[in-house]
Amino acid sequence: MESLIVSLLIGAIAGWLAGQVVKGAGFGLVGNIIVGILGSVVAGWLLPKIGLFIGGGLIGAIINAAIGGVIVLLVLSFIRKNA
């Protein structure tokens, strides 16, 4: 239960950070949590493939998820613009 709460908190922070970087693409609190969690999954898959390793711990998890969240938001805004 505790790890779920920590994951949601990391997702919320990372989603908010990603929303700040990609202006106009925020989705509110729940949307930002979802973007942060998706971003964490994307970053966990993509960053090691390109050889980028960010330190562990809570700060590293937030940074990784924020990078992935930015990627997710950019893809979503591209899809929204072209749809």
Protein backbone atom coordinates (compact mmCIF):
# COMPACT_ATOMS: atom_id res chain seq x y z
CA MET A 1 0.00 0.00 0.00
CA GLU A 2 2.82 2.37 0.85
CA SER A 3 4.56 1.81 -2.49
CA LEU A 4 1.32 2.63 -4.31
CA ILE A 5 1.05 5.95 -2.48
CA VAL A 6 4.70 6.75 -3.21
CA SER A 7 4.20 5.86 -6.89
CA LEU A 8 1.15 8.13 -7.10
CA LEU A 9 3.06 10.95 -5.40
CA ILE A 10 6.01 10.55 -7.78
CA GLY A 11 3.59 10.45 -10.71
CA ALA A 12 1.84 13.61 -9.54
CA ILE A 13 5.09 15.53 -9.10
CA ALA A 14 6.52 14.28 -12.39
CA GLY A 15 3.29 15.02 -14.26
CA TRP A 16 3.19 18.53 -12.83
CA LEU A 17 6.84 19.10 -13.81
CA ALA A 18 6.18 17.80 -17.31
CA GLY A 19 3.14 20.08 -17.58
CA GLN A 20 5.34 23.04 -16.62
CA VAL A 21 7.92 22.17 -19.27
CA VAL A 22 5.37 21.56 -22.04
CA LYS A 23 3.14 24.60 -21.65
CA GLY A 24 -0.53 24.23 -22.50
CA ALA A 25 -0.48 20.44 -22.22
CA GLY A 26 -1.46 19.95 -18.58
CA PHE A 27 -4.42 17.71 -17.80
CA GLY A 28 -5.26 18.67 -14.21
CA LEU A 29 -4.28 16.72 -11.10
CA VAL A 30 -5.59 13.28 -12.10
CA GLY A 31 -4.36 13.68 -15.68
CA ASN A 32 -0.94 14.78 -14.45
CA ILE A 33 -0.70 11.72 -12.20
CA ILE A 34 -1.54 9.49 -15.16
CA VAL A 35 0.97 11.32 -17.38
CA GLY A 36 3.62 10.98 -14.66
CA ILE A 37 3.00 7.25 -14.26
CA LEU A 38 3.01 6.72 -18.05
CA GLY A 39 6.13 8.86 -18.22
CA SER A 40 7.80 6.69 -15.63
CA VAL A 41 7.08 3.59 -17.72
CA VAL A 42 8.27 5.30 -20.91
CA ALA A 43 11.45 6.58 -19.26
CA GLY A 44 12.14 3.19 -17.67
CA TRP A 45 12.06 1.63 -21.11
CA LEU A 46 13.56 4.38 -23.27
CA LEU A 47 16.34 5.97 -21.22
CA PRO A 48 18.44 2.79 -20.74
CA LYS A 49 18.12 2.07 -24.48
CA ILE A 50 19.75 5.41 -25.33
CA GLY A 51 22.38 4.98 -22.60
CA LEU A 52 21.06 7.60 -20.16
CA PHE A 53 21.17 6.55 -16.52
CA ILE A 54 20.03 8.94 -13.81
CA GLY A 55 20.79 8.12 -10.17
CA GLY A 56 18.47 6.10 -8.03
CA GLY A 57 16.34 7.09 -5.10
CA LEU A 58 13.33 9.34 -4.93
CA ILE A 59 14.84 12.30 -6.78
CA GLY A 60 16.11 10.05 -9.58
CA ALA A 61 12.67 8.47 -9.92
CA ILE A 62 11.02 11.89 -10.14
CA ILE A 63 13.54 13.09 -12.75
CA ASN A 64 13.11 9.92 -14.82
CA ALA A 65 9.32 10.12 -14.65
CA ALA A 66 9.38 13.84 -15.52
CA ILE A 67 11.53 13.19 -18.60
CA GLY A 68 9.15 10.43 -19.65
CA GLY A 69 6.17 12.68 -18.88
CA VAL A 70 7.56 15.37 -21.17
CA ILE A 71 7.92 12.78 -23.92
CA VAL A 72 4.34 11.57 -23.35
CA LEU A 73 2.97 15.14 -23.36
CA LEU A 74 4.84 16.00 -26.56
CA VAL A 75 3.45 12.91 -28.27
CA LEU A 76 -0.08 13.65 -27.01
CA SER A 77 0.06 17.28 -28.10
CA PHE A 78 1.35 16.21 -31.52
CA ILE A 79 -1.52 13.72 -31.88
CA ARG A 80 -4.04 16.33 -30.67
CA LYS A 81 -2.75 18.90 -33.14
CA ASN A 82 -2.88 16.51 -36.10
CA ALA A 83 -6.21 14.90 -35.26
